[in-house]
Amino acid sequence: MIANIGLLALALALPIALLQSGASLWGAQRHHDRLMQVGRNAALMQAALLALAFACLVIAFLSSDFSLALVVAHSHSAKPFLYKFAASWGNHEGSLALWVLVLALAGGALAILGESLAPRLRARALGIQGSLGVLFTGFLLFASNPFERLPTPALDGFGLNPVLQDPALAIHPPFLYFGYVGLSLPFSLAVAALLEGGISSAWARWLRITTLASWSALTIGIALGSWWAYRELGWGGFWFWDPVENASLMPWLIAIALFHCAVIVEKRGAFRQWSIFLAIIAFSLAMLGTFLVRSGVLVSVHSFATDPTRGIFILAILVCVSGGALLLFSARAARLRDDSLFAPVSREGAVLVNNLLLCCGCASVFVGTLYPLALETLNGAKVSVGAPFFNLTFAPLMLPLFFLLPLGPVLAWKQGSLLGALQRIQLAVLVGLAAIIGTLAYKGAAPLWASLAFGLGVWILVGVCCEIFQRLRSSESRPGASFWGMSLAHAGMGVLLLGVVAHSAWSIERIESLRPGDSLDVAGFNITFENTAFTRSDNFFAEQALLRVRSGNGEVFDLTAERRVYPIRATSTSESAINYSLAGDLYVVLGDNWIADAEARVFRFYWNPLVSLIWLGAALMAIGGGCCLADRRYRASRPEAKRGWESRQENLSVEEIQ
């Protein structure tokens, strides 16, 4: 019964999406208020129907409804409650249902909260959002129906993929999809602006808010995925440059550039064409990630499907949406010419350089990700593009970006002074140089890049502190939530950089075979292999290896590494034993027992210095984004947002210019 309700709600959502698209676009074209109101109501109805459909799918998984093929393929009656819940989106059909739901919720949010936008502009944006809903809801209903029934209900299911049975990964996809699909709103606003032939400060404010909200969610989603990979895959790393990982990184980078552009559009009226172009590219890259995960063109622990037929449909949607938007941009962008002038050394100039570096970095990731796939398609040759390529192309582009990060906020609008900006944060210059020299003295000159990058991380953190101190000392109004959010986000970037550098350059790895009672030393820890034990749960069997660890300061603690076997899936996984600390993680993995000695076990030991700073930095960035969204000046419904930015440029005060 529940599944039938879900299928009916999903089937009704398609014509409602058509109504939303048609009524909104036609109403805007004909200046027909009632039709535009119909489009807004249809957006709310579509969101409600898809929420009902997805709720029915979740209930089917929680109640183990084995009459549904999807539940049989990805759940089991013995699964813990959390993983039954996560299984509802831990597959192709369920994840696409979540994608479509978030798309509809984004349209509903615009329908409810978009009062500050001009009626026709909002109607056009809702029409574009509805058109996206038609494409993806139609694909879900006709090619990836999550409510497909079996002729005969099964007695039990096959269970969720064991590597996905992790708390971090259970909540990782919703955040990732709110980030991915949230970028549909900037896309719809951009296309609506092209159709309308003009923009306002209210439009720029909405672009800024929606981009920041999507970027914050995407930051959390990527961080949770990285945390899961670090804990679950047993390789001691946090980022593998997997194509699906790269697919989430690319829109994240472009969203940073888009957000900073939206700030300039709102405050100065510059970068209008560039902002629209970035909004189109950001969502196009999000759809590219959907294609990579679901097309079967790559093999990854992150991918959901291996059906190339469905991949062709997704590729067709990608080409249609992105190609159509770019064609419209080429035809209409000239109407949105930038009239604002600024010197190269200015806050606008810093944002422009920021954008260029981010876009070039994204382009390097794009080439490294798609080149092997394109080459294999053309001539069947298989090549591997991994960390060495990205270290040589992506990393050098990010270093100047990190250098500019503390300078941008202290430069004046229109025309600034580089020397004056450096004087404002001269303490950061001195402390950053001291950090480079100190790191070289402590760690040696190899690798040199690590000392330079570590110094840049310190430079960012101290630069943020200098800016905070000067703002608190100044006679200006008290800093708002957006200032604190910006400071937290920039500080988070510095903290993340410190963690990445320390882990990448100074980690220690050892692989050893130990018998019970054997000991070894790793990074100042004395580790003794005590014994093994076998345990059983409803879901898996496990071999546990107990290790006793004595640190350099005399502290003693135990670590338990596991190898788990899931009989339902006939697969095994490793459960790493990790001792977390701010200084670094002692990380132990129990390997397969392939050696002749029955009592001996193979272990991999890692010492990962400062690795926790990676996720601490990501958390600070996401919190910073949330603080900015909480600022009352971000409320798009305030009366000032209804005035165009052009009218404000004529009355800028001296304080605003400086």
Foldseek 3Di string as FASTA:
>chain_A
DLLVLLLVLLVVLQVLLVLLQVLLLVCLVVVPVVSLVSNLVSLVSSLVSLVSNLVSLLVCLQVQVQQFPQNQAAAWPLDDNLSSNLSCCLFLLSVLSLLLNLLSVLLNCCSVQVPLDDSSLSSQLSNQSSVVSNLSSVLSSPPNPRSDGDPDGDPTHLHHDVLCPDVLNSPLSNLQSNLLSLLSSLLSSLLSCLVVLHDFLLSLLVNLLSLLSSLLSLLSNLLSQLVSCCFFFQPNGRDWLALLSLLSVLLNLLSVLLNLLSVCCNQPVPCSLVNSVSSLVSNLSSLVSSLVQAQLLDDDPRHRYNHNVSSVSSVVVSCVSSVVSVVSSVVRVVSSDGDDAADCQALVVLSVLSNVLSVQLSVQSVCQSCVQSVVCVPPNDGDHRTDVSSVVRNVVSCLVVLVCLLQNVQAFHRDGDPVVSCVLLVVLVVQLVVQLVVCCVVVNPVPVVLSNLLSSLSSQLSSLVSVQVVQVPDPDDHDALLSVLSSLLSNLVSLLSNQVSQQVGPKDKDKDKDFQQDWDDDPQKIKGWHAWDWDDDSFWIKIKTKIWIAGNVGDIDIWIKIWIAGVSNRDITIRWTWDDDQQWIWIKTWDDPPDPDPRITMMMIMTRGRNVSNSVSSVSNSVSSVSSSPTPVSSSPDPVNSGGSVVVVVPDDPVSRD
